[in-house]
Amino acid sequence: MKAPIFLSVSILLLSQLPCQAKIGEAFATYRTKVAAKYRFRTQEAKGAQTYYRFAYPLTPDEEQRCPGFGTGITITVAGGKIVGQSMAVRLGDAYDESRAMASRRALDFILEAIGKAKSPSPTEDGQQLASIKNAIEQALISNPQNIQFPGFPQRAKLSCSATGDLLIAVLPPVQTAPPGSYMQ
């Protein structure tokens, strides 16, 4: 009888863990949280928005399993708040491993950006991962995909660049996007 109570409390606590970044969060808070996880690359101001670019480094095991794989993240900031996020994924030489790594990173990135906790249920996590993998496959054949989780107004767009890289953009709801921006 004690085990179900403990499990319920654990699930509740795990679902309340803060995400790394969330649209609307103060950028200074985000930057402090990711200092050890991502490598800062560049900062570029364009009008009222500033773009911060980070590299998402690979572990030695990931480098060995999937040579050529790479991930970069851009955080769009206006007024000190995160208003958009994007991730570019260069798929590596190992076809299946590249897609598996891209799917996991894309799902984690999207959940982080919208402020949704990762599901503690392996079944639900697997279903979400399979959906993201299908969306990635469609995006890579020039069929862009839009993803939105119930109860979360932000949306994610998966597409393919002209050079074949996977692009994932997490955008705020249209009504909160800066007027006249590409986010609308």
N, C-alpha and C. Protein backbone atom coordinates (compact mmCIF):
# COMPACT_ATOMS: atom_id res chain seq x y z
N MET A 1 0.82 -1.21 0.00
CA MET A 1 0.00 0.00 0.00
C MET A 1 0.86 1.26 0.00
N LYS A 2 2.04 1.22 0.62
CA LYS A 2 2.89 2.41 0.66
C LYS A 2 3.49 2.71 -0.72
N ALA A 3 3.77 1.68 -1.50
CA ALA A 3 4.40 1.88 -2.81
C ALA A 3 3.55 2.74 -3.74
N PRO A 4 2.22 2.50 -3.89
CA PRO A 4 1.43 3.36 -4.78
C PRO A 4 1.42 4.82 -4.34
N ILE A 5 1.41 5.06 -3.03
CA ILE A 5 1.42 6.44 -2.54
C ILE A 5 2.75 7.09 -2.91
N PHE A 6 3.87 6.37 -2.67
CA PHE A 6 5.17 6.89 -3.00
C PHE A 6 5.29 7.18 -4.49
N LEU A 7 4.80 6.25 -5.32
CA LEU A 7 4.84 6.44 -6.76
C LEU A 7 4.04 7.67 -7.18
N SER A 8 2.86 7.83 -6.61
CA SER A 8 2.02 9.00 -6.94
C SER A 8 2.72 10.29 -6.56
N VAL A 9 3.33 10.33 -5.38
CA VAL A 9 4.02 11.53 -4.93
C VAL A 9 5.23 11.78 -5.82
N SER A 10 5.96 10.72 -6.19
CA SER A 10 7.13 10.87 -7.07
C SER A 10 6.73 11.43 -8.42
N ILE A 11 5.66 10.91 -9.00
CA ILE A 11 5.19 11.40 -10.29
C ILE A 11 4.80 12.86 -10.19
N LEU A 12 4.09 13.23 -9.13
CA LEU A 12 3.69 14.62 -8.94
C LEU A 12 4.91 15.52 -8.84
N LEU A 13 5.91 15.11 -8.04
CA LEU A 13 7.10 15.94 -7.89
C LEU A 13 7.89 16.03 -9.18
N LEU A 14 8.06 14.90 -9.88
CA LEU A 14 8.81 14.93 -11.13
C LEU A 14 8.13 15.78 -12.19
N SER A 15 6.81 15.79 -12.19
CA SER A 15 6.10 16.58 -13.20
C SER A 15 6.18 18.07 -12.91
N GLN A 16 6.63 18.44 -11.72
CA GLN A 16 6.73 19.84 -11.35
C GLN A 16 8.14 20.40 -11.51
N LEU A 17 9.11 19.57 -11.97
CA LEU A 17 10.46 20.06 -12.13
C LEU A 17 10.49 21.16 -13.19
N PRO A 18 11.28 22.22 -12.94
CA PRO A 18 11.32 23.31 -13.92
C PRO A 18 12.03 22.89 -15.19
N CYS A 19 11.59 23.45 -16.31
CA CYS A 19 12.25 23.16 -17.57
C CYS A 19 13.43 24.12 -17.71
N GLN A 20 14.29 23.88 -18.68
CA GLN A 20 15.45 24.73 -18.90
C GLN A 20 15.04 26.11 -19.42
N ALA A 21 14.14 26.13 -20.37
CA ALA A 21 13.72 27.39 -20.96
C ALA A 21 12.25 27.31 -21.29
N LYS A 22 11.63 28.43 -21.26
CA LYS A 22 10.22 28.48 -21.59
C LYS A 22 9.96 29.82 -22.25
N ILE A 23 9.14 29.80 -23.28
CA ILE A 23 8.79 31.07 -23.92
C ILE A 23 8.11 31.94 -22.88
N GLY A 24 8.56 33.18 -22.76
CA GLY A 24 8.04 34.11 -21.77
C GLY A 24 8.94 34.24 -20.55
N GLU A 25 9.89 33.31 -20.39
CA GLU A 25 10.81 33.33 -19.26
C GLU A 25 11.87 34.41 -19.47
N ALA A 26 12.40 34.94 -18.39
CA ALA A 26 13.49 35.92 -18.47
C ALA A 26 14.73 35.23 -19.03
N PHE A 27 15.39 35.86 -20.00
CA PHE A 27 16.56 35.25 -20.62
C PHE A 27 17.70 35.09 -19.62
N ALA A 28 17.86 36.03 -18.71
CA ALA A 28 18.96 35.94 -17.74
C ALA A 28 18.84 34.66 -16.90
N THR A 29 17.63 34.30 -16.54
CA THR A 29 17.40 33.07 -15.78
C THR A 29 17.79 31.87 -16.61
N TYR A 30 17.37 31.85 -17.87
CA TYR A 30 17.69 30.75 -18.78
C TYR A 30 19.20 30.61 -18.95
N ARG A 31 19.87 31.72 -19.18
CA ARG A 31 21.32 31.69 -19.44
C ARG A 31 22.08 31.10 -18.26
N THR A 32 21.65 31.41 -17.05
CA THR A 32 22.29 30.85 -15.86
C THR A 32 22.08 29.34 -15.80
N LYS A 33 20.88 28.89 -16.12
CA LYS A 33 20.56 27.46 -16.04
C LYS A 33 21.32 26.62 -17.06
N VAL A 34 21.60 27.16 -18.24
CA VAL A 34 22.21 26.36 -19.30
C VAL A 34 23.71 26.57 -19.46
N ALA A 35 24.30 27.34 -18.57
CA ALA A 35 25.73 27.65 -18.70
C ALA A 35 26.59 26.39 -18.82
N ALA A 36 26.26 25.34 -18.10
CA ALA A 36 27.07 24.11 -18.15
C ALA A 36 26.63 23.17 -19.26
N LYS A 37 25.40 23.31 -19.75
CA LYS A 37 24.85 22.37 -20.73
C LYS A 37 25.19 22.77 -22.17
N TYR A 38 25.05 24.04 -22.52
CA TYR A 38 25.28 24.51 -23.88
C TYR A 38 26.50 25.42 -23.91
N ARG A 39 27.15 25.48 -25.08
CA ARG A 39 28.27 26.40 -25.27
C ARG A 39 27.76 27.63 -26.00
N PHE A 40 27.95 28.80 -25.40
CA PHE A 40 27.56 30.06 -26.03
C PHE A 40 28.43 30.29 -27.26
N ARG A 41 27.80 30.69 -28.39
CA ARG A 41 28.52 30.95 -29.63
C ARG A 41 28.50 32.42 -30.00
N THR A 42 27.31 32.97 -30.27
CA THR A 42 27.24 34.36 -30.73
C THR A 42 25.98 35.03 -30.22
N GLN A 43 25.99 36.35 -30.36
CA GLN A 43 24.83 37.18 -30.01
C GLN A 43 24.68 38.20 -31.13
N GLU A 44 23.44 38.37 -31.62
CA GLU A 44 23.20 39.30 -32.72
C GLU A 44 21.91 40.06 -32.45
N ALA A 45 21.98 41.38 -32.48
CA ALA A 45 20.79 42.21 -32.28
C ALA A 45 20.26 42.67 -33.63
N LYS A 46 18.94 42.52 -33.79
CA LYS A 46 18.25 43.01 -34.99
C LYS A 46 16.99 43.71 -34.51
N GLY A 47 17.00 45.02 -34.55
CA GLY A 47 15.85 45.78 -34.08
C GLY A 47 15.63 45.54 -32.59
N ALA A 48 14.41 45.23 -32.23
CA ALA A 48 14.06 45.02 -30.82
C ALA A 48 14.37 43.61 -30.35
N GLN A 49 14.85 42.76 -31.25
CA GLN A 49 15.12 41.37 -30.88
C GLN A 49 16.61 41.08 -30.89
N THR A 50 17.02 40.20 -29.97
CA THR A 50 18.40 39.74 -29.92
C THR A 50 18.38 38.23 -30.05
N TYR A 51 19.30 37.71 -30.87
CA TYR A 51 19.40 36.28 -31.12
C TYR A 51 20.66 35.76 -30.44
N TYR A 52 20.50 34.81 -29.54
CA TYR A 52 21.61 34.18 -28.84
C TYR A 52 21.76 32.76 -29.40
N ARG A 53 22.97 32.44 -29.84
CA ARG A 53 23.19 31.12 -30.43
C ARG A 53 24.10 30.29 -29.53
N PHE A 54 23.71 29.03 -29.38
CA PHE A 54 24.43 28.09 -28.54
C PHE A 54 24.69 26.80 -29.32
N ALA A 55 25.76 26.10 -28.96
CA ALA A 55 26.02 24.76 -29.50
C ALA A 55 25.61 23.77 -28.43
N TYR A 56 24.99 22.69 -28.85
CA TYR A 56 24.57 21.62 -27.95
C TYR A 56 25.61 20.51 -28.16
N PRO A 57 26.62 20.43 -27.30
CA PRO A 57 27.72 19.49 -27.55
C PRO A 57 27.29 18.02 -27.44
N LEU A 58 28.01 17.18 -28.15
CA LEU A 58 27.78 15.74 -28.11
C LEU A 58 28.67 15.12 -27.04
N THR A 59 28.20 14.03 -26.50
CA THR A 59 29.05 13.25 -25.60
C THR A 59 30.02 12.45 -26.48
N PRO A 60 31.13 11.97 -25.92
CA PRO A 60 32.03 11.14 -26.72
C PRO A 60 31.33 9.89 -27.29
N ASP A 61 30.40 9.31 -26.54
CA ASP A 61 29.65 8.15 -27.02
C ASP A 61 28.79 8.53 -28.23
N GLU A 62 28.13 9.69 -28.16
CA GLU A 62 27.30 10.14 -29.28
C GLU A 62 28.14 10.42 -30.52
N GLU A 63 29.31 11.02 -30.32
CA GLU A 63 30.21 11.29 -31.44
C GLU A 63 30.63 10.00 -32.14
N GLN A 64 30.88 8.97 -31.35
CA GLN A 64 31.30 7.70 -31.91
C GLN A 64 30.14 6.99 -32.63
N ARG A 65 28.95 7.03 -32.04
CA ARG A 65 27.79 6.37 -32.63
C ARG A 65 27.28 7.06 -33.88
N CYS A 66 27.45 8.39 -33.95
CA CYS A 66 26.88 9.13 -35.07
C CYS A 66 27.81 10.27 -35.51
N PRO A 67 28.90 9.91 -36.22
CA PRO A 67 29.82 10.96 -36.68
C PRO A 67 29.09 11.95 -37.59
N GLY A 68 29.42 13.22 -37.41
CA GLY A 68 28.82 14.26 -38.25
C GLY A 68 27.55 14.86 -37.70
N PHE A 69 26.99 14.30 -36.64
CA PHE A 69 25.76 14.82 -36.05
C PHE A 69 26.09 16.11 -35.30
N GLY A 70 25.22 17.11 -35.38
CA GLY A 70 25.43 18.36 -34.67
C GLY A 70 24.12 19.08 -34.41
N THR A 71 24.09 19.85 -33.33
CA THR A 71 22.89 20.58 -32.96
C THR A 71 23.26 21.99 -32.51
N GLY A 72 22.55 22.97 -33.04
CA GLY A 72 22.70 24.35 -32.62
C GLY A 72 21.36 24.91 -32.20
N ILE A 73 21.37 25.79 -31.22
CA ILE A 73 20.13 26.36 -30.68
C ILE A 73 20.21 27.88 -30.75
N THR A 74 19.12 28.51 -31.17
CA THR A 74 19.01 29.96 -31.18
C THR A 74 17.84 30.35 -30.29
N ILE A 75 18.10 31.27 -29.37
CA ILE A 75 17.07 31.79 -28.47
C ILE A 75 16.80 33.24 -28.90
N THR A 76 15.54 33.55 -29.21
CA THR A 76 15.15 34.89 -29.62
C THR A 76 14.59 35.61 -28.40
N VAL A 77 15.16 36.79 -28.12
CA VAL A 77 14.80 37.55 -26.92
C VAL A 77 14.34 38.95 -27.31
N ALA A 78 13.25 39.38 -26.69
CA ALA A 78 12.75 40.76 -26.85
C ALA A 78 12.35 41.25 -25.48
N GLY A 79 12.84 42.42 -25.11
CA GLY A 79 12.50 42.97 -23.80
C GLY A 79 12.98 42.10 -22.64
N GLY A 80 14.06 41.38 -22.84
CA GLY A 80 14.62 40.54 -21.78
C GLY A 80 13.92 39.19 -21.60
N LYS A 81 12.89 38.95 -22.40
CA LYS A 81 12.12 37.70 -22.30
C LYS A 81 12.32 36.84 -23.54
N ILE A 82 12.26 35.53 -23.36
CA ILE A 82 12.36 34.61 -24.47
C ILE A 82 11.04 34.65 -25.24
N VAL A 83 11.13 34.95 -26.54
CA VAL A 83 9.92 35.01 -27.38
C VAL A 83 9.90 33.92 -28.44
N GLY A 84 11.01 33.24 -28.64
CA GLY A 84 11.04 32.15 -29.60
C GLY A 84 12.33 31.37 -29.47
N GLN A 85 12.29 30.14 -29.93
CA GLN A 85 13.48 29.29 -29.88
C GLN A 85 13.53 28.46 -31.14
N SER A 86 14.73 28.17 -31.59
CA SER A 86 14.86 27.28 -32.74
C SER A 86 16.08 26.40 -32.55
N MET A 87 16.03 25.27 -33.23
CA MET A 87 17.13 24.32 -33.16
C MET A 87 17.38 23.81 -34.57
N ALA A 88 18.65 23.77 -34.96
CA ALA A 88 19.04 23.19 -36.24
C ALA A 88 19.81 21.92 -35.95
N VAL A 89 19.46 20.85 -36.65
CA VAL A 89 20.11 19.56 -36.45
C VAL A 89 20.73 19.12 -37.76
N ARG A 90 22.04 18.92 -37.72
CA ARG A 90 22.74 18.35 -38.87
C ARG A 90 22.79 16.85 -38.61
N LEU A 91 22.14 16.11 -39.47
CA LEU A 91 22.09 14.66 -39.29
C LEU A 91 23.44 14.06 -39.64
N GLY A 92 23.83 13.09 -38.88
CA GLY A 92 25.14 12.48 -39.08
C GLY A 92 25.15 11.38 -40.12
N ASP A 93 26.24 10.66 -40.14
CA ASP A 93 26.46 9.62 -41.14
C ASP A 93 25.64 8.35 -40.88
N ALA A 94 25.28 8.09 -39.64
CA ALA A 94 24.52 6.88 -39.30
C ALA A 94 23.03 7.19 -39.41
N TYR A 95 22.38 6.67 -40.44
CA TYR A 95 20.99 7.01 -40.76
C TYR A 95 20.05 6.81 -39.57
N ASP A 96 19.94 5.59 -39.07
CA ASP A 96 19.00 5.31 -37.99
C ASP A 96 19.37 6.03 -36.69
N GLU A 97 20.64 6.02 -36.36
CA GLU A 97 21.09 6.67 -35.12
C GLU A 97 20.84 8.18 -35.19
N SER A 98 21.08 8.80 -36.36
CA SER A 98 20.83 10.24 -36.52
C SER A 98 19.37 10.59 -36.24
N ARG A 99 18.48 9.80 -36.81
CA ARG A 99 17.05 10.07 -36.62
C ARG A 99 16.61 9.83 -35.19
N ALA A 100 17.17 8.82 -34.55
CA ALA A 100 16.83 8.54 -33.15
C ALA A 100 17.32 9.68 -32.25
N MET A 101 18.56 10.13 -32.47
CA MET A 101 19.09 11.23 -31.67
C MET A 101 18.33 12.53 -31.95
N ALA A 102 18.02 12.79 -33.22
CA ALA A 102 17.27 14.00 -33.57
C ALA A 102 15.89 13.97 -32.96
N SER A 103 15.24 12.82 -32.94
CA SER A 103 13.90 12.70 -32.37
C SER A 103 13.92 13.01 -30.87
N ARG A 104 14.86 12.43 -30.16
CA ARG A 104 14.94 12.66 -28.70
C ARG A 104 15.24 14.12 -28.41
N ARG A 105 16.21 14.68 -29.12
CA ARG A 105 16.56 16.09 -28.87
C ARG A 105 15.41 17.01 -29.26
N ALA A 106 14.72 16.73 -30.35
CA ALA A 106 13.60 17.57 -30.78
C ALA A 106 12.48 17.52 -29.76
N LEU A 107 12.12 16.33 -29.30
CA LEU A 107 11.04 16.22 -28.31
C LEU A 107 11.42 16.95 -27.03
N ASP A 108 12.62 16.72 -26.53
CA ASP A 108 13.06 17.39 -25.30
C ASP A 108 13.08 18.90 -25.49
N PHE A 109 13.55 19.36 -26.64
CA PHE A 109 13.61 20.79 -26.94
C PHE A 109 12.22 21.41 -26.96
N ILE A 110 11.29 20.76 -27.64
CA ILE A 110 9.92 21.29 -27.73
C ILE A 110 9.26 21.33 -26.35
N LEU A 111 9.37 20.24 -25.61
CA LEU A 111 8.76 20.20 -24.27
C LEU A 111 9.36 21.28 -23.37
N GLU A 112 10.68 21.43 -23.45
CA GLU A 112 11.36 22.45 -22.65
C GLU A 112 10.86 23.85 -23.01
N ALA A 113 10.73 24.13 -24.30
CA ALA A 113 10.35 25.45 -24.77
C ALA A 113 8.92 25.83 -24.40
N ILE A 114 8.03 24.86 -24.36
CA ILE A 114 6.64 25.20 -24.03
C ILE A 114 6.35 25.06 -22.54
N GLY A 115 7.32 24.52 -21.79
CA GLY A 115 7.14 24.38 -20.34
C GLY A 115 6.36 23.15 -19.94
N LYS A 116 6.36 22.14 -20.79
CA LYS A 116 5.66 20.89 -20.48
C LYS A 116 6.67 19.88 -19.96
N ALA A 117 6.38 19.30 -18.82
CA ALA A 117 7.27 18.29 -18.25
C ALA A 117 7.26 17.03 -19.10
N LYS A 118 8.40 16.37 -19.15
CA LYS A 118 8.50 15.09 -19.86
C LYS A 118 7.61 14.08 -19.14
N SER A 119 6.93 13.28 -19.90
CA SER A 119 6.01 12.30 -19.32
C SER A 119 6.76 11.27 -18.50
N PRO A 120 6.30 10.99 -17.28
CA PRO A 120 6.92 9.94 -16.47
C PRO A 120 6.52 8.54 -16.96
N SER A 121 5.54 8.48 -17.83
CA SER A 121 5.07 7.20 -18.36
C SER A 121 5.91 6.81 -19.57
N PRO A 122 6.60 5.67 -19.52
CA PRO A 122 7.39 5.23 -20.67
C PRO A 122 6.52 5.05 -21.92
N THR A 123 5.28 4.62 -21.74
CA THR A 123 4.38 4.42 -22.88
C THR A 123 4.07 5.75 -23.55
N GLU A 124 3.68 6.75 -22.76
CA GLU A 124 3.36 8.07 -23.32
C GLU A 124 4.60 8.71 -23.94
N ASP A 125 5.75 8.60 -23.28
CA ASP A 125 6.98 9.14 -23.82
C ASP A 125 7.30 8.48 -25.15
N GLY A 126 7.13 7.18 -25.24
CA GLY A 126 7.38 6.45 -26.48
C GLY A 126 6.45 6.88 -27.60
N GLN A 127 5.18 7.14 -27.25
CA GLN A 127 4.22 7.60 -28.26
C GLN A 127 4.59 8.99 -28.76
N GLN A 128 4.98 9.87 -27.83
CA GLN A 128 5.38 11.22 -28.23
C GLN A 128 6.64 11.16 -29.10
N LEU A 129 7.58 10.31 -28.73
CA LEU A 129 8.82 10.16 -29.48
C LEU A 129 8.53 9.63 -30.89
N ALA A 130 7.63 8.66 -31.01
CA ALA A 130 7.26 8.11 -32.32
C ALA A 130 6.59 9.18 -33.18
N SER A 131 5.75 10.01 -32.58
CA SER A 131 5.10 11.10 -33.32
C SER A 131 6.12 12.11 -33.83
N ILE A 132 7.08 12.45 -32.98
CA ILE A 132 8.12 13.40 -33.39
C ILE A 132 8.96 12.79 -34.51
N LYS A 133 9.29 11.51 -34.38
CA LYS A 133 10.09 10.85 -35.42
C LYS A 133 9.36 10.87 -36.76
N ASN A 134 8.05 10.61 -36.75
CA ASN A 134 7.26 10.68 -37.98
C ASN A 134 7.25 12.10 -38.56
N ALA A 135 7.11 13.09 -37.68
CA ALA A 135 7.11 14.49 -38.13
C ALA A 135 8.46 14.86 -38.74
N ILE A 136 9.54 14.35 -38.14
CA ILE A 136 10.88 14.61 -38.67
C ILE A 136 11.02 14.00 -40.06
N GLU A 137 10.58 12.78 -40.22
CA GLU A 137 10.67 12.12 -41.53
C GLU A 137 9.92 12.92 -42.59
N GLN A 138 8.74 13.43 -42.24
CA GLN A 138 7.97 14.25 -43.18
C GLN A 138 8.68 15.56 -43.48
N ALA A 139 9.21 16.20 -42.44
CA ALA A 139 9.91 17.48 -42.63
C ALA A 139 11.13 17.30 -43.53
N LEU A 140 11.83 16.18 -43.39
CA LEU A 140 13.04 15.95 -44.17
C LEU A 140 12.75 15.69 -45.65
N ILE A 141 11.51 15.38 -45.99
CA ILE A 141 11.15 15.22 -47.41
C ILE A 141 10.37 16.44 -47.90
N SER A 142 10.66 17.58 -47.27
CA SER A 142 10.08 18.88 -47.65
C SER A 142 8.58 18.95 -47.45
N ASN A 143 8.09 18.35 -46.40
CA ASN A 143 6.69 18.43 -46.01
C ASN A 143 6.65 18.94 -44.57
N PRO A 144 6.75 20.28 -44.37
CA PRO A 144 6.83 20.85 -43.02
C PRO A 144 5.68 20.36 -42.13
N GLN A 145 5.99 20.23 -40.85
CA GLN A 145 5.01 19.74 -39.88
C GLN A 145 4.85 20.75 -38.75
N ASN A 146 3.62 20.88 -38.26
CA ASN A 146 3.33 21.73 -37.10
C ASN A 146 2.90 20.83 -35.95
N ILE A 147 3.42 21.11 -34.77
CA ILE A 147 3.11 20.32 -33.59
C ILE A 147 2.63 21.26 -32.49
N GLN A 148 1.55 20.88 -31.86
CA GLN A 148 1.04 21.65 -30.73
C GLN A 148 0.47 20.65 -29.72
N PHE A 149 0.85 20.80 -28.46
CA PHE A 149 0.35 19.92 -27.41
C PHE A 149 -0.92 20.52 -26.81
N PRO A 150 -1.91 19.69 -26.52
CA PRO A 150 -3.14 20.18 -25.91
C PRO A 150 -2.84 20.92 -24.60
N GLY A 151 -3.46 22.07 -24.45
CA GLY A 151 -3.29 22.87 -23.24
C GLY A 151 -2.10 23.81 -23.28
N PHE A 152 -1.32 23.81 -24.37
CA PHE A 152 -0.16 24.68 -24.51
C PHE A 152 -0.33 25.50 -25.78
N PRO A 153 -0.36 26.84 -25.67
CA PRO A 153 -0.66 27.67 -26.84
C PRO A 153 0.52 27.81 -27.82
N GLN A 154 1.75 27.51 -27.38
CA GLN A 154 2.89 27.61 -28.28
C GLN A 154 2.81 26.48 -29.31
N ARG A 155 3.53 26.69 -30.40
CA ARG A 155 3.52 25.68 -31.44
C ARG A 155 4.95 25.46 -31.94
N ALA A 156 5.18 24.27 -32.47
CA ALA A 156 6.50 23.94 -33.02
C ALA A 156 6.34 23.66 -34.50
N LYS A 157 7.29 24.13 -35.27
CA LYS A 157 7.28 23.88 -36.71
C LYS A 157 8.57 23.15 -37.06
N LEU A 158 8.43 22.01 -37.72
CA LEU A 158 9.57 21.22 -38.17
C LEU A 158 9.66 21.34 -39.68
N SER A 159 10.85 21.66 -40.17
CA SER A 159 11.05 21.80 -41.61
C SER A 159 12.48 21.41 -41.95
N CYS A 160 12.80 21.50 -43.21
CA CYS A 160 14.12 21.12 -43.71
C CYS A 160 14.76 22.33 -44.39
N SER A 161 16.03 22.56 -44.10
CA SER A 161 16.73 23.67 -44.75
C SER A 161 17.13 23.28 -46.16
N ALA A 162 17.60 24.24 -46.91
CA ALA A 162 18.05 23.98 -48.28
C ALA A 162 19.25 23.04 -48.30
N THR A 163 19.99 22.97 -47.20
CA THR A 163 21.17 22.09 -47.13
C THR A 163 20.85 20.73 -46.52
N GLY A 164 19.56 20.49 -46.20
CA GLY A 164 19.16 19.19 -45.67
C GLY A 164 19.17 19.07 -44.17
N ASP A 165 19.40 20.17 -43.46
CA ASP A 165 19.37 20.14 -42.00
C ASP A 165 17.92 20.20 -41.52
N LEU A 166 17.68 19.57 -40.39
CA LEU A 166 16.36 19.62 -39.76
C LEU A 166 16.27 20.92 -38.97
N LEU A 167 15.17 21.64 -39.15
CA LEU A 167 14.94 22.90 -38.43
C LEU A 167 13.70 22.74 -37.56
N ILE A 168 13.81 23.15 -36.30
CA ILE A 168 12.69 23.09 -35.37
C ILE A 168 12.56 24.47 -34.76
N ALA A 169 11.42 25.10 -34.94
CA ALA A 169 11.16 26.41 -34.37
C ALA A 169 9.98 26.31 -33.42
N VAL A 170 10.16 26.80 -32.20
CA VAL A 170 9.07 26.84 -31.23
C VAL A 170 8.69 28.31 -31.10
N LEU A 171 7.44 28.58 -31.44
CA LEU A 171 6.97 29.96 -31.55
C LEU A 171 5.87 30.23 -30.53
N PRO A 172 5.76 31.49 -30.11
CA PRO A 172 4.70 31.85 -29.18
C PRO A 172 3.34 31.83 -29.89
N PRO A 173 2.27 31.87 -29.11
CA PRO A 173 0.96 32.00 -29.76
C PRO A 173 0.95 33.25 -30.64
N VAL A 174 0.22 33.20 -31.74
CA VAL A 174 0.20 34.30 -32.70
C VAL A 174 -0.14 35.62 -32.01
N GLN A 175 -1.08 35.61 -31.08
CA GLN A 175 -1.51 36.86 -30.46
C GLN A 175 -0.44 37.50 -29.58
N THR A 176 0.61 36.75 -29.15
CA THR A 176 1.66 37.35 -28.33
C THR A 176 2.95 37.58 -29.10
N ALA A 177 2.99 37.22 -30.38
CA ALA A 177 4.18 37.44 -31.19
C ALA A 177 4.34 38.93 -31.45
N PRO A 178 5.59 39.40 -31.51
CA PRO A 178 5.81 40.81 -31.81
C PRO A 178 5.15 41.18 -33.14
N PRO A 179 4.45 42.32 -33.19
CA PRO A 179 3.74 42.73 -34.41
C PRO A 179 4.69 42.78 -35.61
N GLY A 180 4.25 42.21 -36.71
CA GLY A 180 5.01 42.23 -37.94
C GLY A 180 6.17 41.25 -37.99
N SER A 181 6.33 40.41 -36.98
CA SER A 181 7.47 39.49 -36.99
C SER A 181 7.11 38.21 -37.74
N TYR A 182 8.15 37.45 -38.06
CA TYR A 182 7.95 36.16 -38.73
C TYR A 182 7.22 35.18 -37.83
N MET A 183 7.14 35.49 -36.54
CA MET A 183 6.50 34.58 -35.57
C MET A 183 4.99 34.58 -35.70
N GLN A 184 4.44 35.56 -36.43
CA GLN A 184 2.97 35.60 -36.52
C GLN A 184 2.43 34.68 -37.54
